[in-house]
Amino acid sequence: MPVARDGYEWIEVESFIPGKTGAAHIRPVPGGPYPTHLRVECSKALSRNYPVGTRFRIRAKLTDMQGTPFLYSSWQWKYDVVALPSRSDAEVGQTRGAKPPRR
């Protein structure tokens, strides 16, 4: 994996929650050109305004400005919503903010 790239490219990313709880984060989608462990810096709207599991297309580039490689996309740039999570994901509590069923 190259440490730096010239220019930006359109890539597909998704929101997820690392671990069992916490705030949603953004990562490259599995099977794409970048590994899913790579950090993505982009607009907070992607992780705050859509359910977990939503896929987006963003314009980003691989950089290592802070010493560790990550994907960077300006928070001001437009993005495309590619897919919302399926209904079954929401039913098992994968949607951000979902409460566990009462017993």
C-alpha atoms as a PDB file:
ATOM      1  CA  MET A   1       0.000   0.000   0.000  1.00  0.00           C
ATOM      2  CA  PRO A   2       1.545   3.335  -0.993  1.00  0.00           C
ATOM      3  CA  VAL A   3       2.098   5.890   1.770  1.00  0.00           C
ATOM      4  CA  ALA A   4       1.099   8.900  -0.347  1.00  0.00           C
ATOM      5  CA  ARG A   5      -0.969   9.404  -3.497  1.00  0.00           C
ATOM      6  CA  ASP A   6      -1.231  12.343  -5.813  1.00  0.00           C
ATOM      7  CA  GLY A   7      -4.788  13.562  -6.184  1.00  0.00           C
ATOM      8  CA  TYR A   8      -8.099  12.379  -4.845  1.00  0.00           C
ATOM      9  CA  GLU A   9     -10.245   9.431  -5.913  1.00  0.00           C
ATOM     10  CA  TRP A  10     -13.829   8.333  -5.296  1.00  0.00           C
ATOM     11  CA  ILE A  11     -13.973   5.509  -2.773  1.00  0.00           C
ATOM     12  CA  GLU A  12     -16.766   3.689  -0.978  1.00  0.00           C
ATOM     13  CA  VAL A  13     -16.874   3.809   2.815  1.00  0.00           C
ATOM     14  CA  GLU A  14     -19.314   2.716   5.521  1.00  0.00           C
ATOM     15  CA  SER A  15     -20.216   3.658   9.071  1.00  0.00           C
ATOM     16  CA  PHE A  16     -19.623   1.141  11.860  1.00  0.00           C
ATOM     17  CA  ILE A  17     -19.276   0.978  15.626  1.00  0.00           C
ATOM     18  CA  PRO A  18     -15.918  -0.373  16.799  1.00  0.00           C
ATOM     19  CA  GLY A  19     -16.407  -2.826  19.635  1.00  0.00           C
ATOM     20  CA  LYS A  20     -19.784  -3.246  21.291  1.00  0.00           C
ATOM     21  CA  THR A  21     -20.585   0.378  22.116  1.00  0.00           C
ATOM     22  CA  GLY A  22     -19.508   3.889  21.282  1.00  0.00           C
ATOM     23  CA  ALA A  23     -19.797   6.439  18.544  1.00  0.00           C
ATOM     24  CA  ALA A  24     -19.987   5.508  14.876  1.00  0.00           C
ATOM     25  CA  HIS A  25     -16.801   5.698  12.808  1.00  0.00           C
ATOM     26  CA  ILE A  26     -16.150   5.552   9.058  1.00  0.00           C
ATOM     27  CA  ARG A  27     -14.016   2.903   7.339  1.00  0.00           C
ATOM     28  CA  PRO A  28     -13.349   1.701   3.783  1.00  0.00           C
ATOM     29  CA  VAL A  29     -15.759  -1.050   2.694  1.00  0.00           C
ATOM     30  CA  PRO A  30     -14.539  -4.658   2.653  1.00  0.00           C
ATOM     31  CA  GLY A  31     -13.306  -5.757  -0.765  1.00  0.00           C
ATOM     32  CA  GLY A  32     -12.356  -2.220  -1.799  1.00  0.00           C
ATOM     33  CA  PRO A  33      -8.893  -0.919  -2.639  1.00  0.00           C
ATOM     34  CA  TYR A  34      -8.104  -0.017   0.991  1.00  0.00           C
ATOM     35  CA  PRO A  35      -8.064  -2.206   4.123  1.00  0.00           C
ATOM     36  CA  THR A  36     -10.973  -1.788   6.538  1.00  0.00           C
ATOM     37  CA  HIS A  37      -8.636  -0.961   9.459  1.00  0.00           C
ATOM     38  CA  LEU A  38      -7.535   2.277   7.764  1.00  0.00           C
ATOM     39  CA  ARG A  39      -8.847   5.413   9.526  1.00  0.00           C
ATOM     40  CA  VAL A  40     -11.000   7.800   7.468  1.00  0.00           C
ATOM     41  CA  GLU A  41     -11.151  11.511   8.277  1.00  0.00           C
ATOM     42  CA  CYS A  42     -14.255  13.096   6.724  1.00  0.00           C
ATOM     43  CA  SER A  43     -17.453  14.988   7.502  1.00  0.00           C
ATOM     44  CA  LYS A  44     -19.007  14.049  10.858  1.00  0.00           C
ATOM     45  CA  ALA A  45     -22.396  14.149   9.113  1.00  0.00           C
ATOM     46  CA  LEU A  46     -21.721  10.661   7.742  1.00  0.00           C
ATOM     47  CA  SER A  47     -21.499   9.108  11.191  1.00  0.00           C
ATOM     48  CA  ARG A  48     -24.026  11.372  12.938  1.00  0.00           C
ATOM     49  CA  ASN A  49     -26.890  11.774  10.461  1.00  0.00           C
ATOM     50  CA  TYR A  50     -27.272   8.241   9.067  1.00  0.00           C
ATOM     51  CA  PRO A  51     -27.802   4.800  10.614  1.00  0.00           C
ATOM     52  CA  VAL A  52     -24.792   2.580  11.255  1.00  0.00           C
ATOM     53  CA  GLY A  53     -24.050   0.445   8.215  1.00  0.00           C
ATOM     54  CA  THR A  54     -24.851   3.158   5.680  1.00  0.00           C
ATOM     55  CA  ARG A  55     -22.475   3.168   2.704  1.00  0.00           C
ATOM     56  CA  PHE A  56     -21.198   6.377   1.146  1.00  0.00           C
ATOM     57  CA  ARG A  57     -19.072   7.421  -1.799  1.00  0.00           C
ATOM     58  CA  ILE A  58     -16.563  10.100  -0.866  1.00  0.00           C
ATOM     59  CA  ARG A  59     -13.651  11.785  -2.583  1.00  0.00           C
ATOM     60  CA  ALA A  60     -10.527  10.998  -0.572  1.00  0.00           C
ATOM     61  CA  LYS A  61      -6.808  10.432  -0.770  1.00  0.00           C
ATOM     62  CA  LEU A  62      -4.341   8.368   1.162  1.00  0.00           C
ATOM     63  CA  THR A  63      -2.051  10.547   3.245  1.00  0.00           C
ATOM     64  CA  ASP A  64       0.279  10.310   6.219  1.00  0.00           C
ATOM     65  CA  MET A  65       0.296  13.939   7.361  1.00  0.00           C
ATOM     66  CA  GLN A  66       0.328  12.901  11.014  1.00  0.00           C
ATOM     67  CA  GLY A  67       2.783   9.988  10.679  1.00  0.00           C
ATOM     68  CA  THR A  68       0.191   7.201  10.322  1.00  0.00           C
ATOM     69  CA  PRO A  69      -1.485   6.518   6.943  1.00  0.00           C
ATOM     70  CA  PHE A  70      -5.183   7.434   6.749  1.00  0.00           C
ATOM     71  CA  LEU A  71      -7.769   8.451   4.165  1.00  0.00           C
ATOM     72  CA  TYR A  72      -8.613  12.161   4.112  1.00  0.00           C
ATOM     73  CA  SER A  73     -11.701  13.856   2.697  1.00  0.00           C
ATOM     74  CA  SER A  74     -12.660  17.453   3.459  1.00  0.00           C
ATOM     75  CA  TRP A  75     -15.658  17.863   5.756  1.00  0.00           C
ATOM     76  CA  GLN A  76     -16.976  20.497   3.330  1.00  0.00           C
ATOM     77  CA  TRP A  77     -17.193  18.213   0.290  1.00  0.00           C
ATOM     78  CA  LYS A  78     -20.349  16.597  -0.964  1.00  0.00           C
ATOM     79  CA  TYR A  79     -20.798  12.854  -0.620  1.00  0.00           C
ATOM     80  CA  ASP A  80     -23.207  10.288  -2.064  1.00  0.00           C
ATOM     81  CA  VAL A  81     -25.292   7.888  -0.010  1.00  0.00           C
ATOM     82  CA  VAL A  82     -24.804   4.557  -1.785  1.00  0.00           C
ATOM     83  CA  ALA A  83     -26.921   2.273   0.410  1.00  0.00           C
ATOM     84  CA  LEU A  84     -28.762   2.335   3.712  1.00  0.00           C
ATOM     85  CA  PRO A  85     -28.508  -0.717   5.998  1.00  0.00           C
ATOM     86  CA  SER A  86     -31.041  -3.478   5.472  1.00  0.00           C
ATOM     87  CA  ARG A  87     -34.093  -3.731   7.707  1.00  0.00           C
ATOM     88  CA  SER A  88     -32.706  -6.887   9.354  1.00  0.00           C
ATOM     89  CA  ASP A  89     -29.608  -4.951  10.507  1.00  0.00           C
ATOM     90  CA  ALA A  90     -31.822  -2.398  12.238  1.00  0.00           C
ATOM     91  CA  GLU A  91     -33.903  -5.153  13.843  1.00  0.00           C
ATOM     92  CA  VAL A  92     -30.863  -6.627  15.587  1.00  0.00           C
ATOM     93  CA  GLY A  93     -29.796  -3.266  17.008  1.00  0.00           C
ATOM     94  CA  GLN A  94     -27.131  -2.292  14.476  1.00  0.00           C
ATOM     95  CA  THR A  95     -28.780   1.060  13.787  1.00  0.00           C
ATOM     96  CA  ARG A  96     -27.119   3.867  15.718  1.00  0.00           C
ATOM     97  CA  GLY A  97     -29.158   4.763  18.742  1.00  0.00           C
ATOM     98  CA  ALA A  98     -31.224   1.565  18.698  1.00  0.00           C
ATOM     99  CA  LYS A  99     -32.339   0.433  22.126  1.00  0.00           C
ATOM    100  CA  PRO A 100     -32.279  -3.223  23.149  1.00  0.00           C
ATOM    101  CA  PRO A 101     -35.679  -4.950  23.278  1.00  0.00           C
ATOM    102  CA  ARG A 102     -37.513  -4.956  26.615  1.00  0.00           C
ATOM    103  CA  ARG A 103     -37.845  -8.264  28.374  1.00  0.00           C
END
